[in-house]
């Protein structure tokens, strides 16, 4: 297996800070995006990204190249993000900013090329519903959804990142999507139930 980052990693392991700086520059958006998808907070995602790169720098001498550097870094970032969410109090924010996660493609296929105001309002409402639903998932389910839906990793790359079999990736992803759907349906039932109560 040839790692495209092998040369930079080799130089960084020898103490070349410029080489590691190039790795940070190359993968910062990827790490930040993964952190944001899991923790759902921009400021926290920046802290997680910084911590992940710090951990990678400290552990670089132990990186043996059995996986690609990118995969190894994904694993560190994902574990750092999951640890952050587990440490955080389980409070679900219901008023996230509407533009916080515009790039998360979990609602792909909704927008047309020239949406009208009604379409935009519907998309914004759906995005908020999805954000609330994702916050109710476990950190592990958030992470696997982000890796597949947002980062668009292959099943093989996700399996390597999580150190599990591809079949396990498929089953976890299926369960995460199913759970997300159940949360959204439950929310719909609550909305319709409230409307019915108001009519009585």
C-alpha atoms as a PDB file:
ATOM      1  CA  UNK A   1       0.000   0.000   0.000  1.00  0.00           C
ATOM      2  CA  UNK A   2       1.467   3.321  -1.113  1.00  0.00           C
ATOM      3  CA  UNK A   3       0.641   6.288   1.084  1.00  0.00           C
ATOM      4  CA  UNK A   4       0.563   9.561  -0.896  1.00  0.00           C
ATOM      5  CA  UNK A   5       1.573  11.350   2.303  1.00  0.00           C
ATOM      6  CA  UNK A   6       4.460   9.003   2.983  1.00  0.00           C
ATOM      7  CA  UNK A   7       7.217  11.493   2.171  1.00  0.00           C
ATOM      8  CA  UNK A   8       5.768  14.246   4.344  1.00  0.00           C
ATOM      9  CA  UNK A   9       5.095  11.799   7.181  1.00  0.00           C
ATOM     10  CA  UNK A  10       8.658  10.484   6.996  1.00  0.00           C
ATOM     11  CA  UNK A  11      10.076  13.996   7.174  1.00  0.00           C
ATOM     12  CA  UNK A  12       7.710  14.951  10.005  1.00  0.00           C
ATOM     13  CA  UNK A  13       8.751  11.892  12.023  1.00  0.00           C
ATOM     14  CA  UNK A  14      12.329  13.143  11.767  1.00  0.00           C
ATOM     15  CA  UNK A  15      11.325  16.449  13.331  1.00  0.00           C
ATOM     16  CA  UNK A  16      10.542  18.483  10.219  1.00  0.00           C
ATOM     17  CA  UNK A  17       7.835  20.832  11.512  1.00  0.00           C
ATOM     18  CA  UNK A  18       7.279  22.343   8.086  1.00  0.00           C
ATOM     19  CA  UNK A  19       6.375  18.898   6.749  1.00  0.00           C
ATOM     20  CA  UNK A  20       3.846  18.379   9.540  1.00  0.00           C
ATOM     21  CA  UNK A  21       2.530  21.884   8.925  1.00  0.00           C
ATOM     22  CA  UNK A  22       1.795  20.892   5.335  1.00  0.00           C
ATOM     23  CA  UNK A  23      -0.112  17.853   6.572  1.00  0.00           C
ATOM     24  CA  UNK A  24      -2.144  20.083   8.883  1.00  0.00           C
ATOM     25  CA  UNK A  25      -2.906  22.480   6.032  1.00  0.00           C
ATOM     26  CA  UNK A  26      -3.869  19.611   3.747  1.00  0.00           C
ATOM     27  CA  UNK A  27      -6.240  17.889   6.190  1.00  0.00           C
ATOM     28  CA  UNK A  28      -7.517  20.664   8.437  1.00  0.00           C
ATOM     29  CA  UNK A  29     -10.864  21.078   6.648  1.00  0.00           C
ATOM     30  CA  UNK A  30     -11.392  17.325   6.683  1.00  0.00           C
ATOM     31  CA  UNK A  31     -10.699  17.056  10.420  1.00  0.00           C
ATOM     32  CA  UNK A  32     -12.735  20.155  11.234  1.00  0.00           C
ATOM     33  CA  UNK A  33     -15.637  18.890   9.126  1.00  0.00           C
ATOM     34  CA  UNK A  34     -15.649  15.535  10.888  1.00  0.00           C
ATOM     35  CA  UNK A  35     -15.508  17.229  14.296  1.00  0.00           C
ATOM     36  CA  UNK A  36     -18.349  19.610  13.393  1.00  0.00           C
ATOM     37  CA  UNK A  37     -20.506  16.761  12.145  1.00  0.00           C
ATOM     38  CA  UNK A  38     -20.093  14.887  15.420  1.00  0.00           C
ATOM     39  CA  UNK A  39     -20.182  17.704  17.991  1.00  0.00           C
ATOM     40  CA  UNK A  40     -22.462  20.139  16.081  1.00  0.00           C
ATOM     41  CA  UNK A  41     -20.704  23.237  17.467  1.00  0.00           C
ATOM     42  CA  UNK A  42     -18.307  25.368  15.438  1.00  0.00           C
ATOM     43  CA  UNK A  43     -16.139  26.584  18.321  1.00  0.00           C
ATOM     44  CA  UNK A  44     -15.926  23.106  19.828  1.00  0.00           C
ATOM     45  CA  UNK A  45     -15.098  21.665  16.400  1.00  0.00           C
ATOM     46  CA  UNK A  46     -12.130  24.031  16.101  1.00  0.00           C
ATOM     47  CA  UNK A  47     -10.907  22.950  19.543  1.00  0.00           C
ATOM     48  CA  UNK A  48     -11.355  19.285  18.629  1.00  0.00           C
ATOM     49  CA  UNK A  49      -9.446  19.752  15.374  1.00  0.00           C
ATOM     50  CA  UNK A  50      -6.590  21.448  17.203  1.00  0.00           C
ATOM     51  CA  UNK A  51      -6.508  18.693  19.820  1.00  0.00           C
ATOM     52  CA  UNK A  52      -6.602  15.982  17.131  1.00  0.00           C
ATOM     53  CA  UNK A  53      -3.588  17.441  15.312  1.00  0.00           C
ATOM     54  CA  UNK A  54      -1.745  17.849  18.600  1.00  0.00           C
ATOM     55  CA  UNK A  55      -2.389  14.182  19.390  1.00  0.00           C
ATOM     56  CA  UNK A  56      -1.282  13.173  15.899  1.00  0.00           C
ATOM     57  CA  UNK A  57       1.952  15.132  16.295  1.00  0.00           C
ATOM     58  CA  UNK A  58       2.684  13.535  19.668  1.00  0.00           C
ATOM     59  CA  UNK A  59       1.855  10.028  18.424  1.00  0.00           C
ATOM     60  CA  UNK A  60       3.513  10.339  15.020  1.00  0.00           C
ATOM     61  CA  UNK A  61       6.587   8.383  16.082  1.00  0.00           C
ATOM     62  CA  UNK A  62       4.282   5.403  16.762  1.00  0.00           C
ATOM     63  CA  UNK A  63       2.639   5.593  13.329  1.00  0.00           C
ATOM     64  CA  UNK A  64       3.958   2.507  11.539  1.00  0.00           C
ATOM     65  CA  UNK A  65       2.262   3.010   8.198  1.00  0.00           C
ATOM     66  CA  UNK A  66       0.033  -0.067   8.326  1.00  0.00           C
ATOM     67  CA  UNK A  67      -2.772   2.254   7.207  1.00  0.00           C
ATOM     68  CA  UNK A  68      -2.653   5.494   5.245  1.00  0.00           C
ATOM     69  CA  UNK A  69      -1.844   8.610   7.258  1.00  0.00           C
ATOM     70  CA  UNK A  70      -5.217  10.076   6.254  1.00  0.00           C
ATOM     71  CA  UNK A  71      -7.061   7.080   7.710  1.00  0.00           C
ATOM     72  CA  UNK A  72      -4.976   7.183  10.885  1.00  0.00           C
ATOM     73  CA  UNK A  73      -5.720  10.900  11.271  1.00  0.00           C
ATOM     74  CA  UNK A  74      -9.442  10.292  10.693  1.00  0.00           C
ATOM     75  CA  UNK A  75      -9.402   7.763  13.529  1.00  0.00           C
ATOM     76  CA  UNK A  76      -7.733  10.200  15.921  1.00  0.00           C
ATOM     77  CA  UNK A  77     -10.128  13.006  14.978  1.00  0.00           C
ATOM     78  CA  UNK A  78     -13.187  10.789  15.273  1.00  0.00           C
ATOM     79  CA  UNK A  79     -12.185   9.439  18.693  1.00  0.00           C
ATOM     80  CA  UNK A  80     -11.391  12.949  19.919  1.00  0.00           C
ATOM     81  CA  UNK A  81     -14.802  14.210  18.771  1.00  0.00           C
ATOM     82  CA  UNK A  82     -16.662  11.260  20.289  1.00  0.00           C
ATOM     83  CA  UNK A  83     -14.824  11.722  23.603  1.00  0.00           C
ATOM     84  CA  UNK A  84     -15.838  15.396  23.590  1.00  0.00           C
ATOM     85  CA  UNK A  85     -19.519  14.568  23.075  1.00  0.00           C
ATOM     86  CA  UNK A  86     -19.442  11.903  25.791  1.00  0.00           C
ATOM     87  CA  UNK A  87     -17.959  14.376  28.272  1.00  0.00           C
ATOM     88  CA  UNK A  88     -20.569  16.989  27.438  1.00  0.00           C
ATOM     89  CA  UNK A  89     -23.860  17.168  29.290  1.00  0.00           C
ATOM     90  CA  UNK A  90     -26.657  15.622  27.191  1.00  0.00           C
ATOM     91  CA  UNK A  91     -28.449  18.881  26.496  1.00  0.00           C
ATOM     92  CA  UNK A  92     -30.135  19.168  23.105  1.00  0.00           C
ATOM     93  CA  UNK A  93     -30.147  22.672  21.683  1.00  0.00           C
ATOM     94  CA  UNK A  94     -33.357  23.460  19.807  1.00  0.00           C
ATOM     95  CA  UNK A  95     -32.271  26.823  18.387  1.00  0.00           C
ATOM     96  CA  UNK A  96     -29.156  26.158  16.318  1.00  0.00           C
ATOM     97  CA  UNK A  97     -28.370  28.824  13.734  1.00  0.00           C
ATOM     98  CA  UNK A  98     -29.996  28.111  10.405  1.00  0.00           C
ATOM     99  CA  UNK A  99     -26.743  28.451   8.481  1.00  0.00           C
ATOM    100  CA  UNK A 100     -24.601  26.316  10.795  1.00  0.00           C
ATOM    101  CA  UNK A 101     -24.609  23.097   8.803  1.00  0.00           C
ATOM    102  CA  UNK A 102     -25.700  24.106   5.307  1.00  0.00           C
ATOM    103  CA  UNK A 103     -23.096  21.851   3.717  1.00  0.00           C
ATOM    104  CA  UNK A 104     -24.185  18.605   5.401  1.00  0.00           C
ATOM    105  CA  UNK A 105     -25.632  16.587   2.486  1.00  0.00           C
ATOM    106  CA  UNK A 106     -28.028  14.450   4.520  1.00  0.00           C
ATOM    107  CA  UNK A 107     -30.945  16.149   2.813  1.00  0.00           C
ATOM    108  CA  UNK A 108     -29.418  15.865  -0.680  1.00  0.00           C
ATOM    109  CA  UNK A 109     -31.799  15.998  -3.584  1.00  0.00           C
ATOM    110  CA  UNK A 110     -34.210  18.520  -2.078  1.00  0.00           C
ATOM    111  CA  UNK A 111     -32.974  21.755  -3.602  1.00  0.00           C
ATOM    112  CA  UNK A 112     -33.513  22.637  -7.245  1.00  0.00           C
ATOM    113  CA  UNK A 113     -31.334  25.044  -9.162  1.00  0.00           C
ATOM    114  CA  UNK A 114     -33.608  28.060  -8.609  1.00  0.00           C
ATOM    115  CA  UNK A 115     -35.558  27.502  -5.388  1.00  0.00           C
ATOM    116  CA  UNK A 116     -38.374  29.891  -4.597  1.00  0.00           C
ATOM    117  CA  UNK A 117     -38.823  31.397  -1.095  1.00  0.00           C
ATOM    118  CA  UNK A 118     -41.257  28.666  -0.106  1.00  0.00           C
ATOM    119  CA  UNK A 119     -38.715  26.007  -1.142  1.00  0.00           C
ATOM    120  CA  UNK A 120     -35.976  27.773   0.803  1.00  0.00           C
ATOM    121  CA  UNK A 121     -38.164  27.926   3.903  1.00  0.00           C
ATOM    122  CA  UNK A 122     -38.921  24.209   3.586  1.00  0.00           C
ATOM    123  CA  UNK A 123     -35.238  23.379   3.191  1.00  0.00           C
ATOM    124  CA  UNK A 124     -34.315  25.494   6.207  1.00  0.00           C
ATOM    125  CA  UNK A 125     -37.006  23.823   8.293  1.00  0.00           C
ATOM    126  CA  UNK A 126     -35.884  20.359   7.198  1.00  0.00           C
ATOM    127  CA  UNK A 127     -32.256  21.219   7.936  1.00  0.00           C
ATOM    128  CA  UNK A 128     -33.211  22.283  11.462  1.00  0.00           C
ATOM    129  CA  UNK A 129     -35.207  19.074  11.975  1.00  0.00           C
ATOM    130  CA  UNK A 130     -32.292  16.962  10.784  1.00  0.00           C
ATOM    131  CA  UNK A 131     -29.878  18.868  13.044  1.00  0.00           C
ATOM    132  CA  UNK A 132     -32.102  18.228  16.062  1.00  0.00           C
ATOM    133  CA  UNK A 133     -32.446  14.565  15.138  1.00  0.00           C
ATOM    134  CA  UNK A 134     -28.702  14.085  14.671  1.00  0.00           C
ATOM    135  CA  UNK A 135     -28.059  15.578  18.108  1.00  0.00           C
ATOM    136  CA  UNK A 136     -30.173  12.775  19.583  1.00  0.00           C
ATOM    137  CA  UNK A 137     -28.023  10.055  17.992  1.00  0.00           C
ATOM    138  CA  UNK A 138     -25.150   8.452  19.852  1.00  0.00           C
ATOM    139  CA  UNK A 139     -21.696   9.918  19.073  1.00  0.00           C
ATOM    140  CA  UNK A 140     -20.786   6.682  17.275  1.00  0.00           C
ATOM    141  CA  UNK A 141     -23.811   6.893  14.992  1.00  0.00           C
ATOM    142  CA  UNK A 142     -23.157  10.563  14.317  1.00  0.00           C
ATOM    143  CA  UNK A 143     -19.575   9.716  13.369  1.00  0.00           C
ATOM    144  CA  UNK A 144     -20.418   6.920  10.934  1.00  0.00           C
ATOM    145  CA  UNK A 145     -23.068   9.084   9.236  1.00  0.00           C
ATOM    146  CA  UNK A 146     -20.570  11.917   8.868  1.00  0.00           C
ATOM    147  CA  UNK A 147     -17.873   9.617   7.484  1.00  0.00           C
ATOM    148  CA  UNK A 148     -20.234   8.230   4.850  1.00  0.00           C
ATOM    149  CA  UNK A 149     -22.723  11.012   4.065  1.00  0.00           C
ATOM    150  CA  UNK A 150     -20.599  14.101   4.589  1.00  0.00           C
ATOM    151  CA  UNK A 151     -17.012  12.966   4.100  1.00  0.00           C
ATOM    152  CA  UNK A 152     -18.157  10.411   1.492  1.00  0.00           C
ATOM    153  CA  UNK A 153     -15.647   7.749   2.515  1.00  0.00           C
ATOM    154  CA  UNK A 154     -15.971   4.323   0.964  1.00  0.00           C
ATOM    155  CA  UNK A 155     -17.080   1.389   3.105  1.00  0.00           C
ATOM    156  CA  UNK A 156     -13.510   0.105   2.938  1.00  0.00           C
ATOM    157  CA  UNK A 157     -12.030   3.389   4.191  1.00  0.00           C
ATOM    158  CA  UNK A 158     -14.598   3.610   6.975  1.00  0.00           C
ATOM    159  CA  UNK A 159     -13.834   0.024   7.965  1.00  0.00           C
ATOM    160  CA  UNK A 160     -10.122   0.854   8.091  1.00  0.00           C
ATOM    161  CA  UNK A 161     -10.776   4.016  10.089  1.00  0.00           C
ATOM    162  CA  UNK A 162     -13.004   2.268  12.620  1.00  0.00           C
ATOM    163  CA  UNK A 163     -10.943  -0.937  12.519  1.00  0.00           C
ATOM    164  CA  UNK A 164     -14.008  -3.081  11.805  1.00  0.00           C
ATOM    165  CA  UNK A 165     -15.218  -5.258   8.921  1.00  0.00           C
ATOM    166  CA  UNK A 166     -16.958  -3.689   5.907  1.00  0.00           C
ATOM    167  CA  UNK A 167     -20.083  -5.695   6.714  1.00  0.00           C
ATOM    168  CA  UNK A 168     -20.151  -4.174  10.180  1.00  0.00           C
ATOM    169  CA  UNK A 169     -19.867  -0.719   8.634  1.00  0.00           C
ATOM    170  CA  UNK A 170     -22.925  -1.444   6.484  1.00  0.00           C
ATOM    171  CA  UNK A 171     -24.971  -2.692   9.426  1.00  0.00           C
ATOM    172  CA  UNK A 172     -24.001   0.245  11.672  1.00  0.00           C
ATOM    173  CA  UNK A 173     -24.752   2.711   8.906  1.00  0.00           C
ATOM    174  CA  UNK A 174     -28.100   1.050   8.278  1.00  0.00           C
ATOM    175  CA  UNK A 175     -28.976   1.264  11.972  1.00  0.00           C
ATOM    176  CA  UNK A 176     -27.825   4.899  12.211  1.00  0.00           C
ATOM    177  CA  UNK A 177     -29.991   5.871   9.221  1.00  0.00           C
ATOM    178  CA  UNK A 178     -32.908   3.881  10.618  1.00  0.00           C
ATOM    179  CA  UNK A 179     -32.562   5.552  14.021  1.00  0.00           C
ATOM    180  CA  UNK A 180     -32.413   8.973  12.397  1.00  0.00           C
ATOM    181  CA  UNK A 181     -35.585   8.181  10.472  1.00  0.00           C
ATOM    182  CA  UNK A 182     -37.336   7.011  13.635  1.00  0.00           C
ATOM    183  CA  UNK A 183     -36.446  10.238  15.433  1.00  0.00           C
ATOM    184  CA  UNK A 184     -37.773  12.322  12.550  1.00  0.00           C
ATOM    185  CA  UNK A 185     -40.991  10.282  12.387  1.00  0.00           C
ATOM    186  CA  UNK A 186     -41.447  10.599  16.144  1.00  0.00           C
ATOM    187  CA  UNK A 187     -41.043  14.353  15.820  1.00  0.00           C
ATOM    188  CA  UNK A 188     -43.687  14.396  13.069  1.00  0.00           C
ATOM    189  CA  UNK A 189     -46.082  12.415  15.270  1.00  0.00           C
ATOM    190  CA  UNK A 190     -45.532  14.895  18.076  1.00  0.00           C
ATOM    191  CA  UNK A 191     -46.267  17.832  15.777  1.00  0.00           C
ATOM    192  CA  UNK A 192     -49.422  16.252  14.361  1.00  0.00           C
ATOM    193  CA  UNK A 193     -50.535  15.183  17.834  1.00  0.00           C
ATOM    194  CA  UNK A 194     -50.175  18.718  19.123  1.00  0.00           C
ATOM    195  CA  UNK A 195     -52.178  20.057  16.190  1.00  0.00           C
ATOM    196  CA  UNK A 196     -54.923  17.499  16.841  1.00  0.00           C
ATOM    197  CA  UNK A 197     -55.058  18.464  20.510  1.00  0.00           C
ATOM    198  CA  UNK A 198     -55.452  22.123  19.541  1.00  0.00           C
ATOM    199  CA  UNK A 199     -58.466  21.298  17.384  1.00  0.00           C
ATOM    200  CA  UNK A 200     -60.300  19.547  20.243  1.00  0.00           C
END
